[in-house]
Structure formats: C-alpha cells, structure tokens
Protein backbone atom coordinates (compact mmCIF):
# COMPACT_ATOMS: atom_id res chain seq x y z
CA GLY A 1 6.66 -9.07 -2.14
CA ALA A 2 8.33 -5.44 -2.77
CA ALA A 3 10.83 -5.85 -0.53
CA THR A 4 12.34 -8.85 -3.06
CA ILE A 5 11.89 -6.26 -5.71
CA ARG A 6 13.37 -3.30 -3.78
CA SER A 7 16.30 -5.79 -3.07
CA SER A 8 17.08 -6.82 -6.65
CA LYS A 9 20.46 -6.86 -8.11
CA ASP A 10 18.86 -5.62 -11.64
CA LYS A 11 18.65 -1.78 -11.51
CA PHE A 12 16.15 -2.16 -14.42
CA ILE A 13 13.78 -4.28 -12.13
CA ARG A 14 13.87 -1.94 -9.04
CA ASP A 15 13.60 0.91 -11.05
CA ALA A 16 10.25 -0.83 -12.65
CA LEU A 17 8.80 -0.58 -9.12
CA ALA A 18 6.19 1.66 -8.11
CA ASP A 19 5.39 0.68 -4.79
CA VAL A 20 2.26 1.55 -2.71
CA PHE A 21 1.39 1.32 1.00
CA ILE A 22 -2.39 1.63 1.02
CA MET A 23 -3.30 1.94 5.12
CA PRO A 24 -6.04 2.90 6.98
CA PRO A 25 -6.02 6.06 9.03
CA ASP A 26 -5.81 4.21 12.43
CA VAL A 27 -6.01 0.87 13.59
CA GLU A 28 -9.61 1.69 15.05
CA GLU A 29 -11.22 2.82 12.01
CA LEU A 30 -9.68 -0.88 10.53
CA ARG A 31 -11.04 -2.46 13.36
CA ARG A 32 -14.54 -0.85 12.60
CA ARG A 33 -14.25 -2.00 8.85
CA LEU A 34 -13.29 -5.42 9.31
CA THR A 35 -16.18 -5.71 12.08
CA LYS A 36 -18.84 -4.00 9.28
CA ARG A 37 -17.96 -6.50 6.75
CA GLY A 38 -19.41 -9.32 9.43
CA THR A 39 -17.52 -11.87 7.98
CA GLU A 40 -14.98 -13.01 10.73
CA THR A 41 -15.17 -13.72 14.22
CA ALA A 42 -13.72 -11.21 16.95
CA GLU A 43 -10.87 -13.77 17.24
CA GLN A 44 -10.08 -13.53 13.64
CA ILE A 45 -10.46 -9.97 13.80
CA GLU A 46 -8.01 -9.29 16.74
CA THR A 47 -5.79 -11.71 14.61
CA ARG A 48 -6.02 -9.71 11.71
CA LEU A 49 -5.61 -6.44 13.62
CA THR A 50 -2.24 -8.13 15.21
CA ALA A 51 -0.84 -8.60 11.59
CA ALA A 52 -1.71 -5.60 10.41
CA ILE A 53 -0.08 -3.49 12.72
CA ARG A 54 2.83 -5.05 12.12
CA GLU A 55 2.50 -4.87 8.62
CA MET A 56 1.79 -0.95 9.15
CA GLU A 57 5.42 -0.34 10.77
CA SER A 58 6.79 -0.81 7.51
CA TRP A 59 5.28 1.99 5.53
CA PRO A 60 8.14 4.68 5.24
CA GLN A 61 9.76 1.69 3.24
CA TYR A 62 7.32 2.09 0.43
CA ARG A 63 7.44 5.03 -2.22
CA TYR A 64 4.19 5.93 -1.45
CA THR A 65 1.69 5.95 1.19
CA VAL A 66 -2.05 6.00 0.30
CA ILE A 67 -4.27 6.95 3.59
CA SER A 68 -7.33 5.05 2.91
CA ARG A 69 -10.24 6.73 2.83
CA THR A 70 -13.60 5.90 0.65
CA THR A 71 -13.02 3.28 -2.23
CA GLU A 72 -13.57 6.59 -4.43
CA GLU A 73 -11.04 8.79 -3.06
CA ASP A 74 -8.55 5.39 -2.79
CA LEU A 75 -8.93 5.14 -6.28
CA GLN A 76 -8.47 8.39 -7.33
CA LYS A 77 -5.31 9.01 -5.26
CA PHE A 78 -4.08 5.29 -7.05
CA ARG A 79 -4.68 6.85 -10.07
CA HIS A 80 -2.82 10.08 -9.72
CA VAL A 81 0.39 8.10 -8.30
CA MET A 82 0.52 5.91 -11.47
CA ASN A 83 0.04 9.30 -13.55
CA ALA A 84 3.03 10.60 -11.64
CA GLU A 85 5.42 7.67 -12.14
CA ARG A 86 4.53 7.73 -16.25
CA TYR A 87 6.42 11.33 -16.01
CA LEU A 88 9.47 10.28 -14.33
CA SER A 89 12.15 11.28 -16.47
CA ARG A 90 13.96 7.88 -15.61
CA ARG A 91 10.89 5.99 -17.05
CA LEU A 92 10.49 8.30 -20.35
CA ILE A 93 14.50 7.53 -20.73
CA GLN A 94 14.03 3.73 -21.27
CA LYS A 95 11.17 3.96 -23.65
C-alpha cells in the first residue's frame, strides 16, 4: 500500500504519491455507520472496529487526512486535495 510507495528508493515514485487517509470523526460514529448498513453481525462489527482503530493510528503518516462527514463533503474535500496536488511546484517541474 502507501507505506510501500513511501519507502520506495525511486524518488519519482515517492513524489508521485498523494496519500489521503479518510477516517470517521470518532469510533462511535464508525460503529453507528457500520450498524446502520445492516450487513454484518455484531461480532463482525466489533472485529471491523478493532481493525479500524488499529489502522486509524497511522493517520499521521499520510500527507492528507480527511475527517469523514457526508459523502458529498468527503468528495469535495478529496477534490480539494487533488487540486492542490496538481499545483505543487515539484509536479509542475516534472511535466
């Protein structure tokens, strides 16, 4: 995943990465969203929450972090990130 690209010896590959970590506002909101879907048992939800909590600890390793709200807001934030990436000086020089 992103960690592999971040550790690449190839600077071009590393610089091409625009990594975005999308996370819920908090664990209770994630639990609410998973429960609302109605696609998993309570045990499966707890397993997913445990994995998510572990994964959320890595957010500082990412260049960008989006705190998830609504689908529309998340998409808008993601588009802002991608637009910002397009205008980084190092990206303009590589063209």
